[in-house]
């Protein structure tokens, strides 16, 4: 939470109340963060190109597909752990979170 506090103080993110859960806050990127986010994506793309350079295009596609499947499995498991830790998250709440691309995270639940 301390890092999130610092990011808010620096103007990179803002916290907003979750309209469906008064205990939770959502994090949103501010306009100040957009140029930095663009640079991060550029570095990530260049890194991906370098990492996959030794693979044939179909091999790279297969690797990315496999890694996405692993990520999905881990996210599902982490979501289950979070539901257990926070006393449950409704399917509707999970759908709202997934549908809000500008939302970085839901934090501070239970406060």
PDB file of N, CA and C in Angstrom:
ATOM      1  N   UNK A   1       0.811  -1.191   0.000  1.00  0.00           N
ATOM      2  CA  UNK A   1       0.000   0.000   0.000  1.00  0.00           C
ATOM      3  C   UNK A   1       0.860   1.262   0.000  1.00  0.00           C
ATOM      4  N   UNK A   2       2.021   1.168   0.584  1.00  0.00           N
ATOM      5  CA  UNK A   2       2.874   2.346   0.639  1.00  0.00           C
ATOM      6  C   UNK A   2       3.268   2.811  -0.763  1.00  0.00           C
ATOM      7  N   UNK A   3       3.568   1.866  -1.656  1.00  0.00           N
ATOM      8  CA  UNK A   3       3.925   2.231  -3.030  1.00  0.00           C
ATOM      9  C   UNK A   3       2.729   2.881  -3.732  1.00  0.00           C
ATOM     10  N   UNK A   4       1.554   2.368  -3.501  1.00  0.00           N
ATOM     11  CA  UNK A   4       0.355   2.955  -4.100  1.00  0.00           C
ATOM     12  C   UNK A   4       0.141   4.361  -3.549  1.00  0.00           C
ATOM     13  N   UNK A   5       0.354   4.544  -2.251  1.00  0.00           N
ATOM     14  CA  UNK A   5       0.255   5.880  -1.661  1.00  0.00           C
ATOM     15  C   UNK A   5       1.212   6.842  -2.356  1.00  0.00           C
ATOM     16  N   UNK A   6       2.454   6.385  -2.584  1.00  0.00           N
ATOM     17  CA  UNK A   6       3.454   7.242  -3.237  1.00  0.00           C
ATOM     18  C   UNK A   6       3.043   7.574  -4.672  1.00  0.00           C
ATOM     19  N   UNK A   7       2.509   6.574  -5.375  1.00  0.00           N
ATOM     20  CA  UNK A   7       2.075   6.815  -6.755  1.00  0.00           C
ATOM     21  C   UNK A   7       0.927   7.830  -6.797  1.00  0.00           C
ATOM     22  N   UNK A   8       0.036   7.756  -5.817  1.00  0.00           N
ATOM     23  CA  UNK A   8      -1.057   8.722  -5.752  1.00  0.00           C
ATOM     24  C   UNK A   8      -0.512  10.113  -5.420  1.00  0.00           C
ATOM     25  N   UNK A   9       0.374  10.197  -4.467  1.00  0.00           N
ATOM     26  CA  UNK A   9       0.959  11.485  -4.086  1.00  0.00           C
ATOM     27  C   UNK A   9       1.694  12.132  -5.255  1.00  0.00           C
ATOM     28  N   UNK A  10       2.315  11.302  -6.112  1.00  0.00           N
ATOM     29  CA  UNK A  10       3.044  11.817  -7.267  1.00  0.00           C
ATOM     30  C   UNK A  10       2.124  12.162  -8.435  1.00  0.00           C
ATOM     31  N   UNK A  11       0.847  11.798  -8.313  1.00  0.00           N
ATOM     32  CA  UNK A  11      -0.105  12.131  -9.359  1.00  0.00           C
ATOM     33  C   UNK A  11      -0.191  11.124 -10.495  1.00  0.00           C
ATOM     34  N   UNK A  12       0.343   9.915 -10.303  1.00  0.00           N
ATOM     35  CA  UNK A  12       0.319   8.885 -11.350  1.00  0.00           C
ATOM     36  C   UNK A  12      -1.008   8.130 -11.382  1.00  0.00           C
ATOM     37  N   UNK A  13      -1.634   7.987 -10.232  1.00  0.00           N
ATOM     38  CA  UNK A  13      -2.903   7.259 -10.132  1.00  0.00           C
ATOM     39  C   UNK A  13      -3.859   8.041  -9.243  1.00  0.00           C
ATOM     40  N   UNK A  14      -5.117   7.692  -9.348  1.00  0.00           N
ATOM     41  CA  UNK A  14      -6.094   8.221  -8.398  1.00  0.00           C
ATOM     42  C   UNK A  14      -6.943   7.061  -7.904  1.00  0.00           C
ATOM     43  N   UNK A  15      -7.353   7.175  -6.663  1.00  0.00           N
ATOM     44  CA  UNK A  15      -8.233   6.184  -6.057  1.00  0.00           C
ATOM     45  C   UNK A  15      -9.671   6.697  -6.164  1.00  0.00           C
ATOM     46  N   UNK A  16     -10.557   5.773  -6.518  1.00  0.00           N
ATOM     47  CA  UNK A  16     -11.981   6.105  -6.552  1.00  0.00           C
ATOM     48  C   UNK A  16     -12.734   5.009  -5.818  1.00  0.00           C
ATOM     49  N   UNK A  17     -13.789   5.416  -5.155  1.00  0.00           N
ATOM     50  CA  UNK A  17     -14.614   4.434  -4.459  1.00  0.00           C
ATOM     51  C   UNK A  17     -15.244   3.494  -5.476  1.00  0.00           C
ATOM     52  N   UNK A  18     -15.340   2.240  -5.106  1.00  0.00           N
ATOM     53  CA  UNK A  18     -16.046   1.265  -5.936  1.00  0.00           C
ATOM     54  C   UNK A  18     -17.533   1.456  -5.680  1.00  0.00           C
ATOM     55  N   UNK A  19     -18.313   1.762  -6.712  1.00  0.00           N
ATOM     56  CA  UNK A  19     -19.743   2.029  -6.479  1.00  0.00           C
ATOM     57  C   UNK A  19     -20.508   0.813  -5.970  1.00  0.00           C
ATOM     58  N   UNK A  20     -19.980  -0.372  -6.192  1.00  0.00           N
ATOM     59  CA  UNK A  20     -20.692  -1.580  -5.771  1.00  0.00           C
ATOM     60  C   UNK A  20     -20.208  -2.110  -4.425  1.00  0.00           C
ATOM     61  N   UNK A  21     -19.083  -1.593  -3.925  1.00  0.00           N
ATOM     62  CA  UNK A  21     -18.516  -2.113  -2.683  1.00  0.00           C
ATOM     63  C   UNK A  21     -17.830  -0.965  -1.951  1.00  0.00           C
ATOM     64  N   UNK A  22     -18.497  -0.436  -0.957  1.00  0.00           N
ATOM     65  CA  UNK A  22     -17.954   0.750  -0.272  1.00  0.00           C
ATOM     66  C   UNK A  22     -16.638   0.474   0.459  1.00  0.00           C
ATOM     67  N   UNK A  23     -16.300  -0.795   0.666  1.00  0.00           N
ATOM     68  CA  UNK A  23     -15.033  -1.131   1.316  1.00  0.00           C
ATOM     69  C   UNK A  23     -13.853  -1.038   0.367  1.00  0.00           C
ATOM     70  N   UNK A  24     -14.105  -1.103  -0.930  1.00  0.00           N
ATOM     71  CA  UNK A  24     -13.041  -1.208  -1.929  1.00  0.00           C
ATOM     72  C   UNK A  24     -12.786   0.130  -2.611  1.00  0.00           C
ATOM     73  N   UNK A  25     -11.600   0.272  -3.127  1.00  0.00           N
ATOM     74  CA  UNK A  25     -11.215   1.425  -3.941  1.00  0.00           C
ATOM     75  C   UNK A  25     -10.664   0.881  -5.249  1.00  0.00           C
ATOM     76  N   UNK A  26     -10.897   1.620  -6.311  1.00  0.00           N
ATOM     77  CA  UNK A  26     -10.326   1.281  -7.606  1.00  0.00           C
ATOM     78  C   UNK A  26      -9.212   2.264  -7.913  1.00  0.00           C
ATOM     79  N   UNK A  27      -8.202   1.779  -8.620  1.00  0.00           N
ATOM     80  CA  UNK A  27      -7.090   2.619  -9.027  1.00  0.00           C
ATOM     81  C   UNK A  27      -7.226   2.932 -10.504  1.00  0.00           C
ATOM     82  N   UNK A  28      -7.063   4.204 -10.849  1.00  0.00           N
ATOM     83  CA  UNK A  28      -7.132   4.648 -12.230  1.00  0.00           C
ATOM     84  C   UNK A  28      -5.863   5.399 -12.569  1.00  0.00           C
ATOM     85  N   UNK A  29      -5.368   5.183 -13.772  1.00  0.00           N
ATOM     86  CA  UNK A  29      -4.220   5.941 -14.245  1.00  0.00           C
ATOM     87  C   UNK A  29      -4.654   7.367 -14.529  1.00  0.00           C
ATOM     88  N   UNK A  30      -3.779   8.317 -14.246  1.00  0.00           N
ATOM     89  CA  UNK A  30      -4.053   9.716 -14.560  1.00  0.00           C
ATOM     90  C   UNK A  30      -3.419  10.055 -15.909  1.00  0.00           C
ATOM     91  N   UNK A  31      -3.749  11.211 -16.431  1.00  0.00           N
ATOM     92  CA  UNK A  31      -3.145  11.662 -17.691  1.00  0.00           C
ATOM     93  C   UNK A  31      -1.627  11.764 -17.549  1.00  0.00           C
ATOM     94  N   UNK A  32      -1.157  12.121 -16.367  1.00  0.00           N
ATOM     95  CA  UNK A  32       0.286  12.239 -16.137  1.00  0.00           C
ATOM     96  C   UNK A  32       1.002  10.917 -16.386  1.00  0.00           C
ATOM     97  N   UNK A  33       0.330   9.806 -16.122  1.00  0.00           N
ATOM     98  CA  UNK A  33       0.972   8.499 -16.263  1.00  0.00           C
ATOM     99  C   UNK A  33       0.980   7.984 -17.703  1.00  0.00           C
ATOM    100  N   UNK A  34       0.152   8.529 -18.578  1.00  0.00           N
ATOM    101  CA  UNK A  34       0.006   7.991 -19.939  1.00  0.00           C
ATOM    102  C   UNK A  34       1.319   7.971 -20.737  1.00  0.00           C
ATOM    103  N   UNK A  35       2.123   9.027 -20.746  1.00  0.00           N
ATOM    104  CA  UNK A  35       3.385   8.958 -21.499  1.00  0.00           C
ATOM    105  C   UNK A  35       4.338   7.878 -20.961  1.00  0.00           C
ATOM    106  N   UNK A  36       4.371   7.719 -19.659  1.00  0.00           N
ATOM    107  CA  UNK A  36       5.235   6.698 -19.058  1.00  0.00           C
ATOM    108  C   UNK A  36       4.729   5.316 -19.440  1.00  0.00           C
ATOM    109  N   UNK A  37       3.434   5.127 -19.419  1.00  0.00           N
ATOM    110  CA  UNK A  37       2.847   3.851 -19.804  1.00  0.00           C
ATOM    111  C   UNK A  37       3.195   3.530 -21.256  1.00  0.00           C
ATOM    112  N   UNK A  38       3.160   4.533 -22.118  1.00  0.00           N
ATOM    113  CA  UNK A  38       3.548   4.329 -23.514  1.00  0.00           C
ATOM    114  C   UNK A  38       4.980   3.863 -23.650  1.00  0.00           C
ATOM    115  N   UNK A  39       5.873   4.453 -22.877  1.00  0.00           N
ATOM    116  CA  UNK A  39       7.282   4.032 -22.913  1.00  0.00           C
ATOM    117  C   UNK A  39       7.444   2.608 -22.380  1.00  0.00           C
ATOM    118  N   UNK A  40       6.684   2.278 -21.349  1.00  0.00           N
ATOM    119  CA  UNK A  40       6.743   0.918 -20.798  1.00  0.00           C
ATOM    120  C   UNK A  40       6.323  -0.093 -21.860  1.00  0.00           C
ATOM    121  N   UNK A  41       5.241   0.195 -22.587  1.00  0.00           N
ATOM    122  CA  UNK A  41       4.790  -0.711 -23.644  1.00  0.00           C
ATOM    123  C   UNK A  41       5.833  -0.824 -24.747  1.00  0.00           C
ATOM    124  N   UNK A  42       6.510   0.277 -25.085  1.00  0.00           N
ATOM    125  CA  UNK A  42       7.561   0.235 -26.108  1.00  0.00           C
ATOM    126  C   UNK A  42       8.701  -0.690 -25.683  1.00  0.00           C
ATOM    127  N   UNK A  43       9.132  -0.560 -24.430  1.00  0.00           N
ATOM    128  CA  UNK A  43      10.205  -1.416 -23.916  1.00  0.00           C
ATOM    129  C   UNK A  43       9.756  -2.870 -23.885  1.00  0.00           C
ATOM    130  N   UNK A  44       8.526  -3.107 -23.452  1.00  0.00           N
ATOM    131  CA  UNK A  44       8.008  -4.477 -23.406  1.00  0.00           C
ATOM    132  C   UNK A  44       7.958  -5.087 -24.800  1.00  0.00           C
ATOM    133  N   UNK A  45       7.526  -4.319 -25.782  1.00  0.00           N
ATOM    134  CA  UNK A  45       7.444  -4.819 -27.154  1.00  0.00           C
ATOM    135  C   UNK A  45       8.831  -5.131 -27.708  1.00  0.00           C
ATOM    136  N   UNK A  46       9.781  -4.238 -27.478  1.00  0.00           N
ATOM    137  CA  UNK A  46      11.148  -4.472 -27.950  1.00  0.00           C
ATOM    138  C   UNK A  46      11.755  -5.700 -27.275  1.00  0.00           C
ATOM    139  N   UNK A  47      11.497  -5.852 -25.993  1.00  0.00           N
ATOM    140  CA  UNK A  47      12.002  -7.013 -25.256  1.00  0.00           C
ATOM    141  C   UNK A  47      11.391  -8.301 -25.803  1.00  0.00           C
ATOM    142  N   UNK A  48      10.096  -8.274 -26.060  1.00  0.00           N
ATOM    143  CA  UNK A  48       9.428  -9.457 -26.619  1.00  0.00           C
ATOM    144  C   UNK A  48      10.026  -9.815 -27.972  1.00  0.00           C
ATOM    145  N   UNK A  49      10.259  -8.809 -28.812  1.00  0.00           N
ATOM    146  CA  UNK A  49      10.863  -9.062 -30.125  1.00  0.00           C
ATOM    147  C   UNK A  49      12.233  -9.720 -29.988  1.00  0.00           C
ATOM    148  N   UNK A  50      13.038  -9.240 -29.047  1.00  0.00           N
ATOM    149  CA  UNK A  50      14.367  -9.802 -28.830  1.00  0.00           C
ATOM    150  C   UNK A  50      14.292 -11.232 -28.315  1.00  0.00           C
ATOM    151  N   UNK A  51      13.390 -11.487 -27.380  1.00  0.00           N
ATOM    152  CA  UNK A  51      13.259 -12.813 -26.777  1.00  0.00           C
ATOM    153  C   UNK A  51      12.793 -13.836 -27.805  1.00  0.00           C
ATOM    154  N   UNK A  52      11.889 -13.424 -28.697  1.00  0.00           N
ATOM    155  CA  UNK A  52      11.314 -14.357 -29.662  1.00  0.00           C
ATOM    156  C   UNK A  52      12.086 -14.421 -30.977  1.00  0.00           C
ATOM    157  N   UNK A  53      13.162 -13.655 -31.097  1.00  0.00           N
ATOM    158  CA  UNK A  53      13.902 -13.575 -32.358  1.00  0.00           C
ATOM    159  C   UNK A  53      14.418 -14.932 -32.834  1.00  0.00           C
ATOM    160  N   UNK A  54      14.747 -15.827 -31.928  1.00  0.00           N
ATOM    161  CA  UNK A  54      15.286 -17.129 -32.308  1.00  0.00           C
ATOM    162  C   UNK A  54      14.236 -18.174 -32.631  1.00  0.00           C
ATOM    163  N   UNK A  55      12.977 -17.798 -32.594  1.00  0.00           N
ATOM    164  CA  UNK A  55      11.889 -18.745 -32.859  1.00  0.00           C
ATOM    165  C   UNK A  55      11.249 -18.460 -34.215  1.00  0.00           C
ATOM    166  N   UNK A  56      10.767 -19.517 -34.838  1.00  0.00           N
ATOM    167  CA  UNK A  56       9.971 -19.343 -36.048  1.00  0.00           C
ATOM    168  C   UNK A  56       8.643 -18.694 -35.649  1.00  0.00           C
ATOM    169  N   UNK A  57       7.991 -17.987 -36.563  1.00  0.00           N
ATOM    170  CA  UNK A  57       6.732 -17.321 -36.210  1.00  0.00           C
ATOM    171  C   UNK A  57       5.689 -18.255 -35.590  1.00  0.00           C
ATOM    172  N   UNK A  58       5.554 -19.469 -36.116  1.00  0.00           N
ATOM    173  CA  UNK A  58       4.567 -20.388 -35.537  1.00  0.00           C
ATOM    174  C   UNK A  58       4.987 -20.855 -34.150  1.00  0.00           C
ATOM    175  N   UNK A  59       6.286 -20.975 -33.911  1.00  0.00           N
ATOM    176  CA  UNK A  59       6.767 -21.330 -32.572  1.00  0.00           C
ATOM    177  C   UNK A  59       6.499 -20.198 -31.587  1.00  0.00           C
ATOM    178  N   UNK A  60       6.740 -18.974 -32.025  1.00  0.00           N
ATOM    179  CA  UNK A  60       6.490 -17.809 -31.160  1.00  0.00           C
ATOM    180  C   UNK A  60       5.007 -17.725 -30.811  1.00  0.00           C
ATOM    181  N   UNK A  61       4.140 -17.940 -31.812  1.00  0.00           N
ATOM    182  CA  UNK A  61       2.698 -17.914 -31.553  1.00  0.00           C
ATOM    183  C   UNK A  61       2.301 -19.002 -30.556  1.00  0.00           C
ATOM    184  N   UNK A  62       2.871 -20.187 -30.721  1.00  0.00           N
ATOM    185  CA  UNK A  62       2.555 -21.293 -29.811  1.00  0.00           C
ATOM    186  C   UNK A  62       3.026 -20.975 -28.394  1.00  0.00           C
ATOM    187  N   UNK A  63       4.228 -20.431 -28.261  1.00  0.00           N
ATOM    188  CA  UNK A  63       4.743 -20.082 -26.940  1.00  0.00           C
ATOM    189  C   UNK A  63       3.859 -19.037 -26.269  1.00  0.00           C
ATOM    190  N   UNK A  64       3.477 -18.014 -27.013  1.00  0.00           N
ATOM    191  CA  UNK A  64       2.627 -16.959 -26.448  1.00  0.00           C
ATOM    192  C   UNK A  64       1.287 -17.538 -26.015  1.00  0.00           C
ATOM    193  N   UNK A  65       0.722 -18.429 -26.834  1.00  0.00           N
ATOM    194  CA  UNK A  65      -0.537 -19.068 -26.460  1.00  0.00           C
ATOM    195  C   UNK A  65      -0.389 -19.862 -25.175  1.00  0.00           C
ATOM    196  N   UNK A  66       0.687 -20.636 -25.062  1.00  0.00           N
ATOM    197  CA  UNK A  66       0.909 -21.433 -23.853  1.00  0.00           C
ATOM    198  C   UNK A  66       1.095 -20.546 -22.631  1.00  0.00           C
ATOM    199  N   UNK A  67       1.844 -19.473 -22.782  1.00  0.00           N
ATOM    200  CA  UNK A  67       2.067 -18.564 -21.659  1.00  0.00           C
ATOM    201  C   UNK A  67       0.770 -17.874 -21.235  1.00  0.00           C
ATOM    202  N   UNK A  68      -0.076 -17.530 -22.198  1.00  0.00           N
ATOM    203  CA  UNK A  68      -1.379 -16.942 -21.847  1.00  0.00           C
ATOM    204  C   UNK A  68      -2.233 -17.931 -21.076  1.00  0.00           C
ATOM    205  N   UNK A  69      -2.183 -19.192 -21.459  1.00  0.00           N
ATOM    206  CA  UNK A  69      -2.948 -20.205 -20.744  1.00  0.00           C
ATOM    207  C   UNK A  69      -2.431 -20.370 -19.315  1.00  0.00           C
ATOM    208  N   UNK A  70      -1.113 -20.338 -19.151  1.00  0.00           N
ATOM    209  CA  UNK A  70      -0.537 -20.416 -17.807  1.00  0.00           C
ATOM    210  C   UNK A  70      -0.969 -19.199 -16.992  1.00  0.00           C
ATOM    211  N   UNK A  71      -0.920 -18.019 -17.610  1.00  0.00           N
ATOM    212  CA  UNK A  71      -1.328 -16.807 -16.910  1.00  0.00           C
ATOM    213  C   UNK A  71      -2.785 -16.892 -16.473  1.00  0.00           C
ATOM    214  N   UNK A  72      -3.642 -17.387 -17.343  1.00  0.00           N
ATOM    215  CA  UNK A  72      -5.061 -17.522 -17.010  1.00  0.00           C
ATOM    216  C   UNK A  72      -5.252 -18.454 -15.823  1.00  0.00           C
ATOM    217  N   UNK A  73      -4.539 -19.561 -15.836  1.00  0.00           N
ATOM    218  CA  UNK A  73      -4.631 -20.505 -14.721  1.00  0.00           C
ATOM    219  C   UNK A  73      -4.181 -19.851 -13.421  1.00  0.00           C
ATOM    220  N   UNK A  74      -3.058 -19.137 -13.474  1.00  0.00           N
ATOM    221  CA  UNK A  74      -2.567 -18.464 -12.264  1.00  0.00           C
ATOM    222  C   UNK A  74      -3.532 -17.383 -11.804  1.00  0.00           C
ATOM    223  N   UNK A  75      -4.077 -16.621 -12.744  1.00  0.00           N
ATOM    224  CA  UNK A  75      -5.026 -15.561 -12.378  1.00  0.00           C
ATOM    225  C   UNK A  75      -6.269 -16.158 -11.727  1.00  0.00           C
ATOM    226  N   UNK A  76      -6.751 -17.273 -12.279  1.00  0.00           N
ATOM    227  CA  UNK A  76      -7.914 -17.929 -11.690  1.00  0.00           C
ATOM    228  C   UNK A  76      -7.616 -18.387 -10.269  1.00  0.00           C
ATOM    229  N   UNK A  77      -6.437 -18.938 -10.068  1.00  0.00           N
ATOM    230  CA  UNK A  77      -6.064 -19.395  -8.721  1.00  0.00           C
ATOM    231  C   UNK A  77      -5.907 -18.222  -7.765  1.00  0.00           C
ATOM    232  N   UNK A  78      -5.302 -17.142  -8.231  1.00  0.00           N
ATOM    233  CA  UNK A  78      -5.136 -15.960  -7.388  1.00  0.00           C
ATOM    234  C   UNK A  78      -6.497 -15.353  -7.068  1.00  0.00           C
ATOM    235  N   UNK A  79      -7.389 -15.357  -8.032  1.00  0.00           N
ATOM    236  CA  UNK A  79      -8.729 -14.842  -7.802  1.00  0.00           C
ATOM    237  C   UNK A  79      -9.430 -15.657  -6.722  1.00  0.00           C
ATOM    238  N   UNK A  80      -9.266 -16.966  -6.772  1.00  0.00           N
ATOM    239  CA  UNK A  80      -9.845 -17.825  -5.742  1.00  0.00           C
ATOM    240  C   UNK A  80      -9.271 -17.536  -4.379  1.00  0.00           C
ATOM    241  N   UNK A  81      -7.955 -17.301  -4.323  1.00  0.00           N
ATOM    242  CA  UNK A  81      -7.321 -16.960  -3.050  1.00  0.00           C
ATOM    243  C   UNK A  81      -7.838 -15.625  -2.532  1.00  0.00           C
ATOM    244  N   UNK A  82      -7.998 -14.665  -3.437  1.00  0.00           N
ATOM    245  CA  UNK A  82      -8.497 -13.349  -3.029  1.00  0.00           C
ATOM    246  C   UNK A  82      -9.928 -13.460  -2.515  1.00  0.00           C
ATOM    247  N   UNK A  83     -10.768 -14.259  -3.210  1.00  0.00           N
ATOM    248  CA  UNK A  83     -12.147 -14.427  -2.745  1.00  0.00           C
ATOM    249  C   UNK A  83     -12.167 -15.034  -1.354  1.00  0.00           C
ATOM    250  N   UNK A  84     -11.291 -16.007  -1.123  1.00  0.00           N
ATOM    251  CA  UNK A  84     -11.225 -16.636   0.188  1.00  0.00           C
ATOM    252  C   UNK A  84     -10.770 -15.625   1.234  1.00  0.00           C
ATOM    253  N   UNK A  85      -9.744 -14.852   0.891  1.00  0.00           N
ATOM    254  CA  UNK A  85      -9.198 -13.885   1.841  1.00  0.00           C
ATOM    255  C   UNK A  85     -10.166 -12.743   2.119  1.00  0.00           C
ATOM    256  N   UNK A  86     -10.924 -12.328   1.103  1.00  0.00           N
ATOM    257  CA  UNK A  86     -11.815 -11.176   1.257  1.00  0.00           C
ATOM    258  C   UNK A  86     -13.252 -11.575   1.537  1.00  0.00           C
ATOM    259  N   UNK A  87     -13.493 -12.849   1.698  1.00  0.00           N
ATOM    260  CA  UNK A  87     -14.839 -13.282   2.018  1.00  0.00           C
ATOM    261  C   UNK A  87     -15.739 -13.422   0.810  1.00  0.00           C
ATOM    262  N   UNK A  88     -15.164 -13.469  -0.380  1.00  0.00           N
ATOM    263  CA  UNK A  88     -15.962 -13.726  -1.578  1.00  0.00           C
ATOM    264  C   UNK A  88     -16.128 -12.495  -2.447  1.00  0.00           C
ATOM    265  N   UNK A  89     -16.064 -12.711  -3.728  1.00  0.00           N
ATOM    266  CA  UNK A  89     -16.304 -11.666  -4.703  1.00  0.00           C
ATOM    267  C   UNK A  89     -17.357 -12.192  -5.654  1.00  0.00           C
ATOM    268  N   UNK A  90     -18.387 -11.420  -5.873  1.00  0.00           N
ATOM    269  CA  UNK A  90     -19.479 -11.881  -6.726  1.00  0.00           C
ATOM    270  C   UNK A  90     -19.040 -11.947  -8.182  1.00  0.00           C
ATOM    271  N   UNK A  91     -19.731 -12.756  -8.949  1.00  0.00           N
ATOM    272  CA  UNK A  91     -19.461 -12.851 -10.381  1.00  0.00           C
ATOM    273  C   UNK A  91     -19.682 -11.495 -11.041  1.00  0.00           C
ATOM    274  N   UNK A  92     -20.686 -10.760 -10.591  1.00  0.00           N
ATOM    275  CA  UNK A  92     -20.960  -9.442 -11.154  1.00  0.00           C
ATOM    276  C   UNK A  92     -19.795  -8.488 -10.897  1.00  0.00           C
ATOM    277  N   UNK A  93     -19.222  -8.542  -9.706  1.00  0.00           N
ATOM    278  CA  UNK A  93     -18.079  -7.675  -9.393  1.00  0.00           C
ATOM    279  C   UNK A  93     -16.877  -8.041 -10.247  1.00  0.00           C
ATOM    280  N   UNK A  94     -16.629  -9.350 -10.411  1.00  0.00           N
ATOM    281  CA  UNK A  94     -15.503  -9.775 -11.251  1.00  0.00           C
ATOM    282  C   UNK A  94     -15.715  -9.320 -12.693  1.00  0.00           C
ATOM    283  N   UNK A  95     -16.943  -9.394 -13.186  1.00  0.00           N
ATOM    284  CA  UNK A  95     -17.240  -8.962 -14.552  1.00  0.00           C
ATOM    285  C   UNK A  95     -17.009  -7.462 -14.714  1.00  0.00           C
ATOM    286  N   UNK A  96     -17.415  -6.673 -13.711  1.00  0.00           N
ATOM    287  CA  UNK A  96     -17.193  -5.220 -13.772  1.00  0.00           C
ATOM    288  C   UNK A  96     -15.707  -4.910 -13.807  1.00  0.00           C
ATOM    289  N   UNK A  97     -14.930  -5.595 -12.998  1.00  0.00           N
ATOM    290  CA  UNK A  97     -13.491  -5.362 -12.959  1.00  0.00           C
ATOM    291  C   UNK A  97     -12.874  -5.712 -14.303  1.00  0.00           C
ATOM    292  N   UNK A  98     -13.249  -6.849 -14.856  1.00  0.00           N
ATOM    293  CA  UNK A  98     -12.695  -7.295 -16.136  1.00  0.00           C
ATOM    294  C   UNK A  98     -13.089  -6.367 -17.274  1.00  0.00           C
ATOM    295  N   UNK A  99     -14.267  -5.773 -17.201  1.00  0.00           N
ATOM    296  CA  UNK A  99     -14.765  -4.922 -18.284  1.00  0.00           C
ATOM    297  C   UNK A  99     -14.248  -3.496 -18.210  1.00  0.00           C
ATOM    298  N   UNK A 100     -13.521  -3.151 -17.179  1.00  0.00           N
ATOM    299  CA  UNK A 100     -13.054  -1.773 -17.006  1.00  0.00           C
ATOM    300  C   UNK A 100     -11.558  -1.691 -17.290  1.00  0.00           C
ATOM    301  N   UNK A 101     -11.147  -1.497 -18.559  1.00  0.00           N
ATOM    302  CA  UNK A 101      -9.727  -1.531 -18.896  1.00  0.00           C
ATOM    303  C   UNK A 101      -8.908  -0.425 -18.241  1.00  0.00           C
ATOM    304  N   UNK A 102      -9.542   0.676 -17.882  1.00  0.00           N
ATOM    305  CA  UNK A 102      -8.768   1.738 -17.234  1.00  0.00           C
ATOM    306  C   UNK A 102      -8.526   1.452 -15.757  1.00  0.00           C
ATOM    307  N   UNK A 103      -9.163   0.431 -15.233  1.00  0.00           N
ATOM    308  CA  UNK A 103      -8.971   0.068 -13.841  1.00  0.00           C
ATOM    309  C   UNK A 103      -7.688  -0.721 -13.713  1.00  0.00           C
ATOM    310  N   UNK A 104      -6.806  -0.280 -12.860  1.00  0.00           N
ATOM    311  CA  UNK A 104      -5.560  -0.981 -12.652  1.00  0.00           C
ATOM    312  C   UNK A 104      -5.751  -2.111 -11.663  1.00  0.00           C
ATOM    313  N   UNK A 105      -6.440  -1.855 -10.561  1.00  0.00           N
ATOM    314  CA  UNK A 105      -6.626  -2.881  -9.550  1.00  0.00           C
ATOM    315  C   UNK A 105      -7.739  -2.459  -8.598  1.00  0.00           C
ATOM    316  N   UNK A 106      -8.245  -3.406  -7.879  1.00  0.00           N
ATOM    317  CA  UNK A 106      -9.156  -3.118  -6.787  1.00  0.00           C
ATOM    318  C   UNK A 106      -8.353  -3.348  -5.522  1.00  0.00           C
ATOM    319  N   UNK A 107      -8.294  -2.346  -4.671  1.00  0.00           N
ATOM    320  CA  UNK A 107      -7.447  -2.433  -3.479  1.00  0.00           C
ATOM    321  C   UNK A 107      -8.225  -2.010  -2.255  1.00  0.00           C
ATOM    322  N   UNK A 108      -7.618  -2.211  -1.134  1.00  0.00           N
ATOM    323  CA  UNK A 108      -8.092  -1.717   0.147  1.00  0.00           C
ATOM    324  C   UNK A 108      -9.395  -2.354   0.585  1.00  0.00           C
ATOM    325  N   UNK A 109      -9.740  -3.514   0.044  1.00  0.00           N
ATOM    326  CA  UNK A 109     -10.959  -4.196   0.456  1.00  0.00           C
ATOM    327  C   UNK A 109     -10.914  -4.503   1.938  1.00  0.00           C
ATOM    328  N   UNK A 110     -12.034  -4.355   2.581  1.00  0.00           N
ATOM    329  CA  UNK A 110     -12.134  -4.693   3.995  1.00  0.00           C
ATOM    330  C   UNK A 110     -11.741  -3.587   4.934  1.00  0.00           C
ATOM    331  N   UNK A 111     -11.389  -2.451   4.412  1.00  0.00           N
ATOM    332  CA  UNK A 111     -11.025  -1.352   5.319  1.00  0.00           C
ATOM    333  C   UNK A 111     -12.224  -0.683   5.895  1.00  0.00           C
TER     334      UNK A 111
END
